[in-house]
């Protein structure tokens, strides 16, 4: 077996493993409400809202000016 034959399956496996990793994040609003998300809410919509999914699977949409902090959970 040469390195090319073995390399592609290993590279694909590594990519799939890394794609499955999530970064739990805490989104804190100005009023003190905190949401624990499965992954970093990195997108802001064109109309000025953050959209993310909390750990219970509920879709949450908040105005960007209501968000105080977004940080990775310790």
PDB file of N, CA and C in Angstrom:
ATOM      1  N   UNK A   1       0.839  -1.176   0.000  1.00  0.00           N
ATOM      2  CA  UNK A   1       0.000   0.000   0.000  1.00  0.00           C
ATOM      3  C   UNK A   1       0.886   1.242   0.000  1.00  0.00           C
ATOM      4  N   UNK A   2       0.593   2.166  -0.883  1.00  0.00           N
ATOM      5  CA  UNK A   2       1.390   3.389  -0.883  1.00  0.00           C
ATOM      6  C   UNK A   2       0.710   4.469  -0.045  1.00  0.00           C
ATOM      7  N   UNK A   3       1.416   5.554   0.166  1.00  0.00           N
ATOM      8  CA  UNK A   3       0.947   6.611   1.057  1.00  0.00           C
ATOM      9  C   UNK A   3      -0.311   7.305   0.520  1.00  0.00           C
ATOM     10  N   UNK A   4      -0.468   7.440  -0.786  1.00  0.00           N
ATOM     11  CA  UNK A   4      -1.653   8.089  -1.355  1.00  0.00           C
ATOM     12  C   UNK A   4      -2.902   7.259  -1.109  1.00  0.00           C
ATOM     13  N   UNK A   5      -2.774   5.960  -1.231  1.00  0.00           N
ATOM     14  CA  UNK A   5      -3.921   5.078  -1.027  1.00  0.00           C
ATOM     15  C   UNK A   5      -4.375   5.113   0.425  1.00  0.00           C
ATOM     16  N   UNK A   6      -3.460   5.187   1.343  1.00  0.00           N
ATOM     17  CA  UNK A   6      -3.782   5.207   2.763  1.00  0.00           C
ATOM     18  C   UNK A   6      -4.092   6.617   3.259  1.00  0.00           C
ATOM     19  N   UNK A   7      -3.505   7.629   2.650  1.00  0.00           N
ATOM     20  CA  UNK A   7      -3.646   9.010   3.105  1.00  0.00           C
ATOM     21  C   UNK A   7      -5.030   9.593   2.940  1.00  0.00           C
ATOM     22  N   UNK A   8      -5.666   9.355   1.807  1.00  0.00           N
ATOM     23  CA  UNK A   8      -6.989   9.933   1.563  1.00  0.00           C
ATOM     24  C   UNK A   8      -8.037   9.451   2.550  1.00  0.00           C
ATOM     25  N   UNK A   9      -8.154   8.161   2.809  1.00  0.00           N
ATOM     26  CA  UNK A   9      -9.147   7.733   3.816  1.00  0.00           C
ATOM     27  C   UNK A   9      -8.851   8.290   5.214  1.00  0.00           C
ATOM     28  N   UNK A  10      -7.575   8.384   5.584  1.00  0.00           N
ATOM     29  CA  UNK A  10      -7.232   8.933   6.890  1.00  0.00           C
ATOM     30  C   UNK A  10      -7.560  10.422   6.964  1.00  0.00           C
ATOM     31  N   UNK A  11      -7.287  11.155   5.918  1.00  0.00           N
ATOM     32  CA  UNK A  11      -7.595  12.583   5.888  1.00  0.00           C
ATOM     33  C   UNK A  11      -9.105  12.815   5.944  1.00  0.00           C
ATOM     34  N   UNK A  12      -9.857  12.025   5.219  1.00  0.00           N
ATOM     35  CA  UNK A  12     -11.315  12.147   5.230  1.00  0.00           C
ATOM     36  C   UNK A  12     -11.880  11.822   6.603  1.00  0.00           C
ATOM     37  N   UNK A  13     -11.359  10.798   7.247  1.00  0.00           N
ATOM     38  CA  UNK A  13     -11.804  10.431   8.589  1.00  0.00           C
ATOM     39  C   UNK A  13     -11.505  11.549   9.578  1.00  0.00           C
ATOM     40  N   UNK A  14     -10.324  12.126   9.510  1.00  0.00           N
ATOM     41  CA  UNK A  14      -9.960  13.228  10.410  1.00  0.00           C
ATOM     42  C   UNK A  14     -10.879  14.428  10.198  1.00  0.00           C
ATOM     43  N   UNK A  15     -11.196  14.727   8.956  1.00  0.00           N
ATOM     44  CA  UNK A  15     -12.083  15.838   8.661  1.00  0.00           C
ATOM     45  C   UNK A  15     -13.481  15.609   9.236  1.00  0.00           C
ATOM     46  N   UNK A  16     -13.993  14.417   9.100  1.00  0.00           N
ATOM     47  CA  UNK A  16     -15.318  14.101   9.628  1.00  0.00           C
ATOM     48  C   UNK A  16     -15.344  14.155  11.149  1.00  0.00           C
ATOM     49  N   UNK A  17     -14.281  13.726  11.789  1.00  0.00           N
ATOM     50  CA  UNK A  17     -14.212  13.782  13.247  1.00  0.00           C
ATOM     51  C   UNK A  17     -14.201  15.226  13.714  1.00  0.00           C
ATOM     52  N   UNK A  18     -13.423  16.070  13.080  1.00  0.00           N
ATOM     53  CA  UNK A  18     -13.357  17.476  13.462  1.00  0.00           C
ATOM     54  C   UNK A  18     -14.659  18.209  13.178  1.00  0.00           C
ATOM     55  N   UNK A  19     -15.355  17.816  12.136  1.00  0.00           N
ATOM     56  CA  UNK A  19     -16.621  18.462  11.800  1.00  0.00           C
ATOM     57  C   UNK A  19     -17.679  18.175  12.851  1.00  0.00           C
ATOM     58  N   UNK A  20     -17.563  17.082  13.560  1.00  0.00           N
ATOM     59  CA  UNK A  20     -18.530  16.721  14.593  1.00  0.00           C
ATOM     60  C   UNK A  20     -18.292  17.413  15.916  1.00  0.00           C
ATOM     61  N   UNK A  21     -17.177  18.097  16.069  1.00  0.00           N
ATOM     62  CA  UNK A  21     -16.866  18.774  17.326  1.00  0.00           C
ATOM     63  C   UNK A  21     -17.703  20.042  17.443  1.00  0.00           C
ATOM     64  N   UNK A  22     -18.215  20.277  18.633  1.00  0.00           N
ATOM     65  CA  UNK A  22     -19.000  21.479  18.877  1.00  0.00           C
ATOM     66  C   UNK A  22     -18.337  22.283  19.988  1.00  0.00           C
ATOM     67  N   UNK A  23     -18.616  23.552  20.003  1.00  0.00           N
ATOM     68  CA  UNK A  23     -18.089  24.435  21.028  1.00  0.00           C
ATOM     69  C   UNK A  23     -19.260  24.993  21.819  1.00  0.00           C
ATOM     70  N   UNK A  24     -19.589  24.404  22.978  1.00  0.00           N
ATOM     71  CA  UNK A  24     -20.691  24.949  23.784  1.00  0.00           C
ATOM     72  C   UNK A  24     -20.414  26.407  24.143  1.00  0.00           C
ATOM     73  N   UNK A  25     -21.423  27.232  23.986  1.00  0.00           N
ATOM     74  CA  UNK A  25     -21.269  28.671  24.149  1.00  0.00           C
ATOM     75  C   UNK A  25     -22.384  29.218  25.022  1.00  0.00           C
ATOM     76  N   UNK A  26     -22.074  30.241  25.810  1.00  0.00           N
ATOM     77  CA  UNK A  26     -23.072  30.923  26.630  1.00  0.00           C
ATOM     78  C   UNK A  26     -23.337  32.293  26.013  1.00  0.00           C
ATOM     79  N   UNK A  27     -24.592  32.544  25.672  1.00  0.00           N
ATOM     80  CA  UNK A  27     -25.012  33.848  25.154  1.00  0.00           C
ATOM     81  C   UNK A  27     -25.761  34.548  26.286  1.00  0.00           C
ATOM     82  N   UNK A  28     -25.236  35.684  26.720  1.00  0.00           N
ATOM     83  CA  UNK A  28     -25.852  36.446  27.804  1.00  0.00           C
ATOM     84  C   UNK A  28     -26.474  37.710  27.228  1.00  0.00           C
ATOM     85  N   UNK A  29     -27.744  37.930  27.589  1.00  0.00           N
ATOM     86  CA  UNK A  29     -28.456  39.110  27.119  1.00  0.00           C
ATOM     87  C   UNK A  29     -28.293  40.251  28.115  1.00  0.00           C
ATOM     88  N   UNK A  30     -28.649  41.459  27.697  1.00  0.00           N
ATOM     89  CA  UNK A  30     -28.545  42.642  28.552  1.00  0.00           C
ATOM     90  C   UNK A  30     -29.368  42.506  29.833  1.00  0.00           C
ATOM     91  N   UNK A  31     -30.482  41.769  29.778  1.00  0.00           N
ATOM     92  CA  UNK A  31     -31.341  41.625  30.953  1.00  0.00           C
ATOM     93  C   UNK A  31     -30.891  40.482  31.877  1.00  0.00           C
ATOM     94  N   UNK A  32     -29.778  39.828  31.565  1.00  0.00           N
ATOM     95  CA  UNK A  32     -29.247  38.764  32.411  1.00  0.00           C
ATOM     96  C   UNK A  32     -29.631  37.360  31.984  1.00  0.00           C
ATOM     97  N   UNK A  33     -30.530  37.220  31.041  1.00  0.00           N
ATOM     98  CA  UNK A  33     -30.912  35.905  30.549  1.00  0.00           C
ATOM     99  C   UNK A  33     -29.724  35.254  29.856  1.00  0.00           C
ATOM    100  N   UNK A  34     -29.505  33.978  30.160  1.00  0.00           N
ATOM    101  CA  UNK A  34     -28.402  33.258  29.533  1.00  0.00           C
ATOM    102  C   UNK A  34     -28.946  32.064  28.754  1.00  0.00           C
ATOM    103  N   UNK A  35     -28.371  31.845  27.593  1.00  0.00           N
ATOM    104  CA  UNK A  35     -28.688  30.696  26.764  1.00  0.00           C
ATOM    105  C   UNK A  35     -27.421  29.876  26.579  1.00  0.00           C
ATOM    106  N   UNK A  36     -27.523  28.583  26.777  1.00  0.00           N
ATOM    107  CA  UNK A  36     -26.420  27.677  26.501  1.00  0.00           C
ATOM    108  C   UNK A  36     -26.680  27.067  25.134  1.00  0.00           C
ATOM    109  N   UNK A  37     -25.747  27.268  24.213  1.00  0.00           N
ATOM    110  CA  UNK A  37     -25.928  26.789  22.848  1.00  0.00           C
ATOM    111  C   UNK A  37     -25.015  25.606  22.579  1.00  0.00           C
ATOM    112  N   UNK A  38     -25.362  24.839  21.570  1.00  0.00           N
ATOM    113  CA  UNK A  38     -24.555  23.684  21.182  1.00  0.00           C
ATOM    114  C   UNK A  38     -23.270  24.114  20.492  1.00  0.00           C
ATOM    115  N   UNK A  39     -23.321  25.236  19.796  1.00  0.00           N
ATOM    116  CA  UNK A  39     -22.175  25.699  19.024  1.00  0.00           C
ATOM    117  C   UNK A  39     -22.168  27.220  18.987  1.00  0.00           C
ATOM    118  N   UNK A  40     -21.059  27.778  18.599  1.00  0.00           N
ATOM    119  CA  UNK A  40     -20.890  29.234  18.558  1.00  0.00           C
ATOM    120  C   UNK A  40     -21.850  29.865  17.554  1.00  0.00           C
ATOM    121  N   UNK A  41     -22.715  30.806  18.000  1.00  0.00           N
ATOM    122  CA  UNK A  41     -23.600  31.495  17.060  1.00  0.00           C
ATOM    123  C   UNK A  41     -22.811  32.565  16.312  1.00  0.00           C
ATOM    124  N   UNK A  42     -22.214  32.186  15.209  1.00  0.00           N
ATOM    125  CA  UNK A  42     -21.289  33.085  14.524  1.00  0.00           C
ATOM    126  C   UNK A  42     -21.932  33.935  13.455  1.00  0.00           C
ATOM    127  N   UNK A  43     -23.226  33.813  13.275  1.00  0.00           N
ATOM    128  CA  UNK A  43     -23.854  34.578  12.204  1.00  0.00           C
ATOM    129  C   UNK A  43     -24.828  35.599  12.763  1.00  0.00           C
ATOM    130  N   UNK A  44     -24.830  36.720  12.134  1.00  0.00           N
ATOM    131  CA  UNK A  44     -25.802  37.769  12.429  1.00  0.00           C
ATOM    132  C   UNK A  44     -26.574  37.984  11.138  1.00  0.00           C
ATOM    133  N   UNK A  45     -27.882  37.987  11.219  1.00  0.00           N
ATOM    134  CA  UNK A  45     -28.694  38.136  10.012  1.00  0.00           C
ATOM    135  C   UNK A  45     -28.602  39.562   9.498  1.00  0.00           C
ATOM    136  N   UNK A  46     -29.032  39.755   8.273  1.00  0.00           N
ATOM    137  CA  UNK A  46     -28.984  41.077   7.647  1.00  0.00           C
ATOM    138  C   UNK A  46     -29.868  42.090   8.368  1.00  0.00           C
ATOM    139  N   UNK A  47     -30.914  41.607   9.046  1.00  0.00           N
ATOM    140  CA  UNK A  47     -31.807  42.526   9.742  1.00  0.00           C
ATOM    141  C   UNK A  47     -31.382  42.784  11.189  1.00  0.00           C
ATOM    142  N   UNK A  48     -30.157  42.368  11.574  1.00  0.00           N
ATOM    143  CA  UNK A  48     -29.617  42.717  12.876  1.00  0.00           C
ATOM    144  C   UNK A  48     -29.964  41.772  14.006  1.00  0.00           C
ATOM    145  N   UNK A  49     -30.254  40.526  13.718  1.00  0.00           N
ATOM    146  CA  UNK A  49     -30.592  39.541  14.740  1.00  0.00           C
ATOM    147  C   UNK A  49     -29.552  38.432  14.786  1.00  0.00           C
ATOM    148  N   UNK A  50     -29.361  37.866  15.983  1.00  0.00           N
ATOM    149  CA  UNK A  50     -28.598  36.634  16.131  1.00  0.00           C
ATOM    150  C   UNK A  50     -29.597  35.497  16.160  1.00  0.00           C
ATOM    151  N   UNK A  51     -29.294  34.430  15.434  1.00  0.00           N
ATOM    152  CA  UNK A  51     -30.126  33.236  15.459  1.00  0.00           C
ATOM    153  C   UNK A  51     -29.256  32.065  15.862  1.00  0.00           C
ATOM    154  N   UNK A  52     -29.735  31.275  16.835  1.00  0.00           N
ATOM    155  CA  UNK A  52     -28.994  30.110  17.281  1.00  0.00           C
ATOM    156  C   UNK A  52     -29.955  29.102  17.869  1.00  0.00           C
ATOM    157  N   UNK A  53     -29.435  27.912  18.135  1.00  0.00           N
ATOM    158  CA  UNK A  53     -30.225  26.840  18.718  1.00  0.00           C
ATOM    159  C   UNK A  53     -29.671  26.553  20.107  1.00  0.00           C
ATOM    160  N   UNK A  54     -30.551  26.574  21.127  1.00  0.00           N
ATOM    161  CA  UNK A  54     -30.065  26.288  22.467  1.00  0.00           C
ATOM    162  C   UNK A  54     -29.942  24.779  22.666  1.00  0.00           C
ATOM    163  N   UNK A  55     -29.470  24.362  23.845  1.00  0.00           N
ATOM    164  CA  UNK A  55     -29.183  22.941  24.044  1.00  0.00           C
ATOM    165  C   UNK A  55     -30.435  22.077  24.051  1.00  0.00           C
ATOM    166  N   UNK A  56     -31.607  22.667  24.255  1.00  0.00           N
ATOM    167  CA  UNK A  56     -32.841  21.886  24.212  1.00  0.00           C
ATOM    168  C   UNK A  56     -33.366  21.734  22.786  1.00  0.00           C
ATOM    169  N   UNK A  57     -32.726  22.414  21.844  1.00  0.00           N
ATOM    170  CA  UNK A  57     -33.132  22.316  20.449  1.00  0.00           C
ATOM    171  C   UNK A  57     -34.053  23.434  19.992  1.00  0.00           C
ATOM    172  N   UNK A  58     -34.366  24.368  20.891  1.00  0.00           N
ATOM    173  CA  UNK A  58     -35.248  25.473  20.534  1.00  0.00           C
ATOM    174  C   UNK A  58     -34.482  26.522  19.730  1.00  0.00           C
ATOM    175  N   UNK A  59     -35.118  27.021  18.688  1.00  0.00           N
ATOM    176  CA  UNK A  59     -34.534  28.098  17.887  1.00  0.00           C
ATOM    177  C   UNK A  59     -34.756  29.416  18.614  1.00  0.00           C
ATOM    178  N   UNK A  60     -33.689  30.194  18.784  1.00  0.00           N
ATOM    179  CA  UNK A  60     -33.752  31.471  19.486  1.00  0.00           C
ATOM    180  C   UNK A  60     -33.293  32.557  18.529  1.00  0.00           C
ATOM    181  N   UNK A  61     -34.021  33.674  18.546  1.00  0.00           N
ATOM    182  CA  UNK A  61     -33.671  34.814  17.706  1.00  0.00           C
ATOM    183  C   UNK A  61     -33.753  36.064  18.565  1.00  0.00           C
ATOM    184  N   UNK A  62     -32.637  36.764  18.702  1.00  0.00           N
ATOM    185  CA  UNK A  62     -32.594  37.974  19.524  1.00  0.00           C
ATOM    186  C   UNK A  62     -31.932  39.100  18.742  1.00  0.00           C
ATOM    187  N   UNK A  63     -32.344  40.327  19.053  1.00  0.00           N
ATOM    188  CA  UNK A  63     -31.725  41.488  18.416  1.00  0.00           C
ATOM    189  C   UNK A  63     -30.280  41.595  18.871  1.00  0.00           C
ATOM    190  N   UNK A  64     -29.423  42.021  17.997  1.00  0.00           N
ATOM    191  CA  UNK A  64     -28.002  42.087  18.325  1.00  0.00           C
ATOM    192  C   UNK A  64     -27.711  43.089  19.435  1.00  0.00           C
ATOM    193  N   UNK A  65     -28.514  44.148  19.565  1.00  0.00           N
ATOM    194  CA  UNK A  65     -28.263  45.116  20.637  1.00  0.00           C
ATOM    195  C   UNK A  65     -28.704  44.600  22.007  1.00  0.00           C
ATOM    196  N   UNK A  66     -29.432  43.483  22.059  1.00  0.00           N
ATOM    197  CA  UNK A  66     -29.821  42.866  23.327  1.00  0.00           C
ATOM    198  C   UNK A  66     -28.746  41.918  23.857  1.00  0.00           C
ATOM    199  N   UNK A  67     -27.780  41.550  23.020  1.00  0.00           N
ATOM    200  CA  UNK A  67     -26.745  40.604  23.416  1.00  0.00           C
ATOM    201  C   UNK A  67     -25.630  41.345  24.139  1.00  0.00           C
ATOM    202  N   UNK A  68     -25.344  40.900  25.382  1.00  0.00           N
ATOM    203  CA  UNK A  68     -24.250  41.507  26.153  1.00  0.00           C
ATOM    204  C   UNK A  68     -22.931  40.812  25.836  1.00  0.00           C
ATOM    205  N   UNK A  69     -22.900  39.477  25.934  1.00  0.00           N
ATOM    206  CA  UNK A  69     -21.671  38.728  25.673  1.00  0.00           C
ATOM    207  C   UNK A  69     -21.984  37.400  25.008  1.00  0.00           C
ATOM    208  N   UNK A  70     -21.009  36.921  24.263  1.00  0.00           N
ATOM    209  CA  UNK A  70     -21.019  35.565  23.716  1.00  0.00           C
ATOM    210  C   UNK A  70     -19.666  34.986  24.042  1.00  0.00           C
ATOM    211  N   UNK A  71     -19.656  33.937  24.877  1.00  0.00           N
ATOM    212  CA  UNK A  71     -18.361  33.364  25.297  1.00  0.00           C
ATOM    213  C   UNK A  71     -18.426  31.844  25.292  1.00  0.00           C
ATOM    214  N   UNK A  72     -17.278  31.229  25.128  1.00  0.00           N
ATOM    215  CA  UNK A  72     -17.172  29.776  25.164  1.00  0.00           C
ATOM    216  C   UNK A  72     -17.357  29.332  26.596  1.00  0.00           C
ATOM    217  N   UNK A  73     -18.173  28.278  26.780  1.00  0.00           N
ATOM    218  CA  UNK A  73     -18.426  27.769  28.125  1.00  0.00           C
ATOM    219  C   UNK A  73     -17.155  27.158  28.697  1.00  0.00           C
ATOM    220  N   UNK A  74     -16.918  27.404  29.980  1.00  0.00           N
ATOM    221  CA  UNK A  74     -15.737  26.865  30.658  1.00  0.00           C
ATOM    222  C   UNK A  74     -15.879  25.401  30.962  1.00  0.00           C
TER     223      UNK A  74
END
